[in-house]
Amino acid sequence: MNDTPINPKNTFSWKTLLVGLGVFFFVAISIGWFLHSKKYVWTNDAFLDGYQISISADIEARIIQLYVDEGDSVVTGQLLCQLDESIFNSQKQDAITNVTRLEQIVKLQKIEMEKLRDIYFVAKQEYENQIISYIAFDKIEKDYHLAMANYKVSEANLVNGIAKLGVIDELLQHTKIYAPRDGSISKRWVVAGDVAKIGEPLFGLTDVKNIWVTANLEETKVGHLKPGDPVDIHIDAYPDRNFTGSVFVVRASAASRFSLIPPDNATGNFTKIVQRVPVKILLDVPKSKDPLYLYPGMSVEISVRTQ
């Protein structure tokens, strides 16, 4: 039997070394994390954002044809939809006929007024020379004033008829619906044959050229931010690509203020919760041969370098 005693100092030194290494790594990681948290502000509560435009009709008419569908790219002024023009064309023909009739009435009223005006001037001279009686002159004068009034009314009716024709022409312009800006059709709400209602959406248009990042940061972190701070952006759809940007603005209210039912802390049932403040971050879109599908709502992680 081997009676050689075990040296306890050797065992103690290995344990001490392992514990020391563990403490060293823990302290190093803690210091590194502390320095990183002072220099960077990070969150994954962020998403791509952009202008969402609801395209609707200004008149009520049946949809004859749709020229775009979901996913199509459009440019400013491109025809998207054609509404039925038949009713407005009928109204336009009626308005044109009415304007022509009113023009003829104006001509007739003008001739009548000018004829009675000449008679009035002659009668005035005769009355002053006491050739005709006051009663005869008064009748001629009133007939002239009546003719002048009828002429002015006919002119006003003509102006009104031309204005109504202009309204119908304007309504005909609104039977064609055009893209208000460049973008992509994100949603189509109607099909050909539906009746377009005033104000009801026909298409959803996304401006894919003006995209930014909205990051919801804890209120305890926004104090470190200032406009222009550089931002490292990671988009989940492109895990192998690095994007950059810069802080544009810190919104003037917490995100909870925009909820459907904002919290009312005056009810007595209060629990303090760290609020999140939306921060708008401008995205630097790099040039790429392949198309980049950057659409509002896509998930993002951001890291803001505050120092």
Foldseek 3Di string as FASTA:
>chain_A
DDPDDDDVVVVVVVVVVVVVVVVVVVVVVVVVVVVQVLFKAKDQQKWKDFDKDFFAFQDKFAWADADDAAFDWAFAFAWGTAGDCVVLVVVLVVLVVVLVVLVVQLVVLVVQLVVLVVVLVVLVVCVVVVNDDPVVNVVSVVSNVVSVVSNVVSVVVSVVSVVVSVVSVVVNVRSTTTDRGTFGFNHADDGHGDIGDRPDGGTMTTHPVFMWMKHWGFPVPCVLDDWFFKKWKAFPVCNPDIWIWTWHDWDPDFPLVVDPDRDDCVPVPDDDDGTTTITIIGTDDDDDPDDDPRGTPTTMMMMTRSD
